[in-house]
């Protein structure tokens, strides 16, 4: 924790933003009409040497909101049966309220001003998160409304590939294709990839602490 008014290392590194890795599994591509079925959020921390690493992962199964569109092709792609009672899905308003509260707590704990979403093709995830926040009537949205950190772009720069599974392979991060398209798993792998790129950039001299 920061002392004597000094900002935490993670706040210094990302100009007061707290990176939070998010992955959503959905019933389609339109964030305003298609339902969120799963959301995974991996929180990050920084050690005393300034190395970024994954921390806790939060995972939720979500009931599609009333009137939500669910595309057959999307359900076949993810393998999610939104009506399976074994999912123990919660209402979207409940999940978003709990998750946003946790993110706000992390922003405060790390002495940051707000969160910034990290994702693989991050604007897709951000669109669904913002739409769900609006539907849920949440007034204190901790996320920046348009800035993101996109690991598809970063992986294209660092490893020459933008597909998550292939980028992880090139980065020597184990990736099980049978687990892919689970929001929690994809969030964790995206977090590992993001941390590795950030840390390698620092090791190569691309970032220097004051």
Protein backbone atom coordinates (compact mmCIF):
# COMPACT_ATOMS: atom_id res chain seq x y z
CA UNK A 1 0.00 0.00 0.00
CA UNK A 2 1.23 3.56 -0.68
CA UNK A 3 2.52 5.57 2.25
CA UNK A 4 2.94 9.27 3.03
CA UNK A 5 0.75 10.32 0.13
CA UNK A 6 2.89 8.49 -2.45
CA UNK A 7 0.89 6.83 -5.21
CA UNK A 8 1.04 3.05 -5.51
CA UNK A 9 3.33 1.61 -8.16
CA UNK A 10 0.42 0.49 -10.30
CA UNK A 11 -1.10 3.99 -10.13
CA UNK A 12 2.25 5.49 -11.16
CA UNK A 13 2.67 3.01 -14.01
CA UNK A 14 -0.72 3.65 -15.62
CA UNK A 15 -1.18 7.36 -14.80
CA UNK A 16 -3.75 6.74 -12.12
CA UNK A 17 -5.69 4.04 -13.98
CA UNK A 18 -6.16 0.54 -12.59
CA UNK A 19 -6.12 -2.11 -15.33
CA UNK A 20 -8.88 -4.70 -14.87
CA UNK A 21 -9.02 -7.62 -17.30
CA UNK A 22 -12.54 -8.41 -18.50
CA UNK A 23 -13.95 -11.10 -20.78
CA UNK A 24 -17.61 -11.55 -21.66
CA UNK A 25 -19.36 -14.44 -23.38
CA UNK A 26 -22.52 -13.27 -25.10
CA UNK A 27 -25.50 -14.25 -27.17
CA UNK A 28 -24.38 -12.18 -30.14
CA UNK A 29 -22.34 -9.18 -31.24
CA UNK A 30 -24.73 -6.30 -30.50
CA UNK A 31 -24.16 -5.04 -26.98
CA UNK A 32 -27.52 -3.26 -26.88
CA UNK A 33 -29.73 -6.17 -27.96
CA UNK A 34 -27.79 -9.36 -27.17
CA UNK A 35 -27.46 -10.81 -23.68
CA UNK A 36 -24.32 -11.34 -21.59
CA UNK A 37 -24.14 -14.99 -20.51
CA UNK A 38 -20.83 -14.99 -18.62
CA UNK A 39 -18.41 -12.39 -17.35
CA UNK A 40 -14.93 -12.96 -15.97
CA UNK A 41 -12.78 -10.29 -14.34
CA UNK A 42 -9.14 -10.80 -13.40
CA UNK A 43 -7.73 -8.23 -11.00
CA UNK A 44 -4.05 -7.30 -11.18
CA UNK A 45 -1.39 -6.39 -8.65
CA UNK A 46 2.18 -5.15 -8.80
CA UNK A 47 5.10 -6.43 -6.74
CA UNK A 48 7.74 -4.24 -5.10
CA UNK A 49 9.95 -4.48 -8.20
CA UNK A 50 7.19 -3.08 -10.40
CA UNK A 51 6.28 -6.37 -12.06
CA UNK A 52 2.61 -6.77 -12.93
CA UNK A 53 0.91 -10.08 -12.13
CA UNK A 54 -2.60 -11.56 -12.08
CA UNK A 55 -4.41 -11.60 -8.77
CA UNK A 56 -7.97 -12.74 -8.06
CA UNK A 57 -10.41 -13.80 -10.81
CA UNK A 58 -14.13 -13.15 -10.37
CA UNK A 59 -16.52 -15.26 -12.43
CA UNK A 60 -20.28 -15.03 -12.95
CA UNK A 61 -22.93 -16.80 -14.98
CA UNK A 62 -25.64 -14.35 -15.98
CA UNK A 63 -29.31 -14.71 -16.85
CA UNK A 64 -30.01 -12.95 -20.17
CA UNK A 65 -31.88 -9.73 -19.50
CA UNK A 66 -35.57 -9.65 -20.32
CA UNK A 67 -36.05 -9.47 -24.09
CA UNK A 68 -32.38 -10.23 -24.82
CA UNK A 69 -31.56 -11.58 -28.26
CA UNK A 70 -29.68 -14.89 -28.32
CA UNK A 71 -28.18 -15.89 -31.64
CA UNK A 72 -28.03 -19.63 -32.30
CA UNK A 73 -24.62 -19.33 -33.94
CA UNK A 74 -23.22 -17.52 -30.89
CA UNK A 75 -24.53 -20.19 -28.50
CA UNK A 76 -23.07 -22.95 -30.67
CA UNK A 77 -19.73 -21.13 -30.76
CA UNK A 78 -19.48 -20.73 -26.97
CA UNK A 79 -21.22 -24.00 -26.06
CA UNK A 80 -23.32 -22.19 -23.45
CA UNK A 81 -26.89 -23.27 -22.77
CA UNK A 82 -28.36 -20.14 -21.14
CA UNK A 83 -31.35 -22.11 -19.83
CA UNK A 84 -29.34 -24.84 -18.07
CA UNK A 85 -30.20 -24.65 -14.34
CA UNK A 86 -26.79 -26.07 -13.43
CA UNK A 87 -25.27 -22.74 -14.47
CA UNK A 88 -26.80 -21.19 -11.32
CA UNK A 89 -26.94 -17.93 -13.25
CA UNK A 90 -27.69 -14.66 -11.47
CA UNK A 91 -29.62 -11.65 -12.69
CA UNK A 92 -27.55 -9.14 -14.62
CA UNK A 93 -28.35 -6.31 -12.20
CA UNK A 94 -27.07 -8.39 -9.27
CA UNK A 95 -23.85 -9.39 -11.00
CA UNK A 96 -23.03 -5.92 -12.29
CA UNK A 97 -23.73 -4.32 -8.92
CA UNK A 98 -21.43 -6.77 -7.12
CA UNK A 99 -18.68 -6.59 -9.74
CA UNK A 100 -18.65 -2.79 -9.98
CA UNK A 101 -18.49 -2.53 -6.19
CA UNK A 102 -15.46 -4.84 -6.15
CA UNK A 103 -13.75 -2.84 -8.91
CA UNK A 104 -14.38 0.45 -7.08
CA UNK A 105 -12.83 -1.07 -3.94
CA UNK A 106 -9.75 -2.08 -5.92
CA UNK A 107 -9.45 1.37 -7.51
CA UNK A 108 -9.46 2.93 -4.04
CA UNK A 109 -7.07 0.34 -2.56
CA UNK A 110 -4.50 1.01 -5.30
CA UNK A 111 -4.87 4.79 -5.02
CA UNK A 112 -6.13 5.06 -8.59
CA UNK A 113 -8.70 7.45 -10.01
CA UNK A 114 -10.64 4.91 -12.09
CA UNK A 115 -10.38 1.54 -13.80
CA UNK A 116 -9.49 0.92 -17.40
CA UNK A 117 -10.71 -2.23 -19.14
CA UNK A 118 -8.09 -4.64 -20.48
CA UNK A 119 -9.43 -7.15 -22.95
CA UNK A 120 -8.70 -9.14 -26.08
CA UNK A 121 -10.49 -7.01 -28.67
CA UNK A 122 -11.32 -4.85 -25.70
CA UNK A 123 -13.91 -2.52 -27.23
CA UNK A 124 -16.21 -5.51 -27.70
CA UNK A 125 -16.09 -6.28 -23.97
CA UNK A 126 -16.33 -2.61 -23.00
CA UNK A 127 -19.47 -2.14 -25.09
CA UNK A 128 -21.23 -5.01 -23.33
CA UNK A 129 -20.05 -3.90 -19.88
CA UNK A 130 -21.24 -0.32 -20.40
CA UNK A 131 -24.59 -1.48 -21.78
CA UNK A 132 -25.11 -3.78 -18.78
CA UNK A 133 -24.15 -0.99 -16.38
CA UNK A 134 -26.72 1.28 -18.01
CA UNK A 135 -29.45 -1.39 -17.92
CA UNK A 136 -28.65 -2.02 -14.26
CA UNK A 137 -28.98 1.65 -13.34
CA UNK A 138 -25.50 1.81 -11.80
CA UNK A 139 -24.53 5.44 -11.21
CA UNK A 140 -20.94 4.97 -10.05
CA UNK A 141 -19.29 3.35 -13.04
CA UNK A 142 -15.59 2.84 -12.22
CA UNK A 143 -14.51 2.22 -15.82
CA UNK A 144 -13.23 4.80 -18.27
CA UNK A 145 -16.00 5.29 -20.85
CA UNK A 146 -13.86 4.82 -23.96
CA UNK A 147 -10.19 4.16 -23.16
CA UNK A 148 -9.08 0.51 -23.12
CA UNK A 149 -5.90 -1.56 -23.23
CA UNK A 150 -6.30 -4.11 -26.02
CA UNK A 151 -4.17 -7.25 -25.87
CA UNK A 152 -5.02 -8.12 -29.48
CA UNK A 153 -3.15 -4.99 -30.56
CA UNK A 154 -0.38 -5.48 -28.00
CA UNK A 155 0.09 -9.12 -29.01
CA UNK A 156 0.24 -8.12 -32.66
CA UNK A 157 3.08 -5.77 -31.76
CA UNK A 158 4.90 -8.10 -29.36
CA UNK A 159 4.38 -11.50 -30.99
CA UNK A 160 3.08 -10.84 -34.50
CA UNK A 161 -0.27 -12.49 -33.86
CA UNK A 162 -3.65 -11.21 -32.69
CA UNK A 163 -5.54 -14.45 -31.88
CA UNK A 164 -5.47 -15.09 -28.13
CA UNK A 165 -4.63 -18.80 -28.27
CA UNK A 166 -1.81 -18.29 -30.78
CA UNK A 167 -0.43 -15.23 -28.98
CA UNK A 168 -0.32 -17.21 -25.72
CA UNK A 169 1.49 -20.04 -27.49
CA UNK A 170 4.08 -17.63 -28.86
CA UNK A 171 4.47 -16.13 -25.39
CA UNK A 172 4.98 -19.62 -23.84
CA UNK A 173 1.74 -19.29 -21.86
CA UNK A 174 -0.12 -22.61 -21.59
CA UNK A 175 -3.49 -22.43 -23.34
CA UNK A 176 -6.11 -25.20 -23.35
CA UNK A 177 -8.43 -24.79 -26.33
CA UNK A 178 -11.01 -26.98 -24.57
CA UNK A 179 -11.29 -24.31 -21.86
CA UNK A 180 -11.50 -21.39 -24.30
CA UNK A 181 -14.69 -19.35 -24.52
CA UNK A 182 -15.15 -19.61 -20.78
CA UNK A 183 -15.16 -16.01 -19.59
CA UNK A 184 -13.07 -16.76 -16.50
CA UNK A 185 -10.47 -18.78 -18.43
CA UNK A 186 -10.15 -16.24 -21.23
CA UNK A 187 -9.86 -13.40 -18.70
CA UNK A 188 -7.06 -15.23 -16.86
CA UNK A 189 -5.14 -15.95 -20.07
CA UNK A 190 -5.62 -12.39 -21.28
CA UNK A 191 -4.28 -11.19 -17.93
CA UNK A 192 -1.21 -13.42 -18.19
CA UNK A 193 -0.54 -12.15 -21.70
CA UNK A 194 -1.01 -8.51 -20.72
CA UNK A 195 1.29 -8.83 -17.70
CA UNK A 196 3.98 -10.55 -19.72
CA UNK A 197 3.98 -7.85 -22.40
CA UNK A 198 4.06 -5.03 -19.82
CA UNK A 199 6.87 -6.68 -17.84
CA UNK A 200 8.97 -7.52 -20.89
CA UNK A 201 8.66 -3.96 -22.12
CA UNK A 202 10.00 -2.77 -18.77
CA UNK A 203 12.82 -5.34 -18.80
CA UNK A 204 13.84 -4.13 -22.26
CA UNK A 205 14.14 -0.56 -21.00
CA UNK A 206 10.91 0.71 -22.49
CA UNK A 207 9.60 1.93 -19.16
CA UNK A 208 11.67 3.60 -16.47
CA UNK A 209 10.43 4.53 -13.02
CA UNK A 210 10.95 8.07 -11.79
